[in-house]
Protein backbone atom coordinates (compact mmCIF):
# COMPACT_ATOMS: atom_id res chain seq x y z
CA MET A 1 -17.37 1.31 2.84
CA TRP A 2 -14.88 0.89 5.58
CA ILE A 3 -11.55 -0.26 5.13
CA PRO A 4 -9.07 -1.71 7.69
CA VAL A 5 -5.50 -0.64 7.57
CA VAL A 6 -2.75 -2.54 9.69
CA LEU A 7 0.60 -1.24 10.27
CA ILE A 8 2.90 -3.81 11.90
CA ALA A 9 6.63 -3.70 13.06
CA TRP A 10 8.28 -7.27 12.69
CA SER A 11 11.55 -8.59 13.92
CA LEU A 12 13.00 -9.97 10.86
CA ASN A 13 16.47 -11.55 11.74
CA GLY A 14 16.64 -9.23 14.44
CA THR A 15 16.02 -6.16 12.49
CA PRO A 16 12.81 -4.46 12.86
CA VAL A 17 10.86 -3.87 9.50
CA TRP A 18 7.55 -2.00 9.28
CA VAL A 19 4.76 -3.46 6.91
CA ASN A 20 1.67 -1.98 6.00
CA PHE A 21 -1.44 -3.85 5.13
CA PRO A 22 -4.24 -2.08 3.63
CA MET A 23 -7.05 -4.58 3.27
CA ILE A 24 -8.96 -3.06 0.38
CA ASN A 25 -10.14 -6.85 -0.46
CA PHE A 26 -12.26 -6.75 2.84
CA PRO A 27 -14.44 -3.79 2.62
CA PHE A 28 -16.94 -3.44 5.57
CA THR A 29 -20.30 -1.75 5.46
CA SER A 30 -19.92 -0.61 8.79
CA GLN A 31 -17.30 1.10 11.13
CA ASN A 32 -18.24 -1.45 13.93
CA LYS A 33 -17.95 -4.40 11.82
CA CYS A 34 -14.63 -3.13 10.63
CA GLN A 35 -13.29 -2.53 14.34
CA GLU A 36 -14.25 -6.05 15.21
CA TYR A 37 -12.25 -7.58 12.30
CA VAL A 38 -9.37 -5.25 13.11
CA SER A 39 -9.54 -6.27 16.87
CA ARG A 40 -9.39 -9.79 15.83
CA VAL A 41 -6.49 -9.61 13.74
CA ARG A 42 -4.75 -7.25 16.19
CA ASN A 43 -5.13 -10.21 18.82
CA THR A 44 -4.00 -12.86 16.60
CA ILE A 45 -0.74 -10.96 15.28
CA THR A 46 0.29 -9.88 18.75
CA LYS A 47 0.72 -13.49 19.78
CA ASN A 48 3.46 -13.77 17.11
CA PRO A 49 6.95 -13.66 18.75
CA GLN A 50 8.29 -11.87 15.69
CA TYR A 51 5.66 -8.92 16.52
CA LEU A 52 7.31 -5.75 17.96
CA ASP A 53 4.55 -3.12 17.66
CA GLY A 54 1.44 -2.10 15.45
CA TYR A 55 -1.06 0.07 14.59
CA SER A 56 -4.37 -0.11 12.90
CA ILE A 57 -7.30 1.90 12.16
CA CYS A 58 -10.50 1.44 10.01
CA VAL A 59 -10.51 4.07 7.11
CA GLU A 60 -14.01 5.19 5.50
CA VAL A 61 -13.93 5.50 1.95
CA PRO A 62 -16.69 7.51 0.48
CA PRO A 63 -19.07 6.68 -2.60
CA LYS A 64 -17.55 7.36 -6.15
CA GLY A 65 -18.48 10.88 -6.91
CA LYS A 66 -19.12 11.73 -2.94
CA SER A 67 -16.65 13.87 -1.12
CA THR A 68 -16.42 13.98 2.67
């Protein structure tokens, strides 16, 4: 299972604030599908005038009882 994590710096009233969005409600079965989703989110977010900077990644979560 792959979970998208998006970290965004917003300008809120002129003050930069970092916000973390681990999207555990949106698990993906493949890394490719997760990265496609993250790319779409990133393309939408960067158009917002309050957007300053950001980072995104897809994190693999192993099945319960299995370590990596």
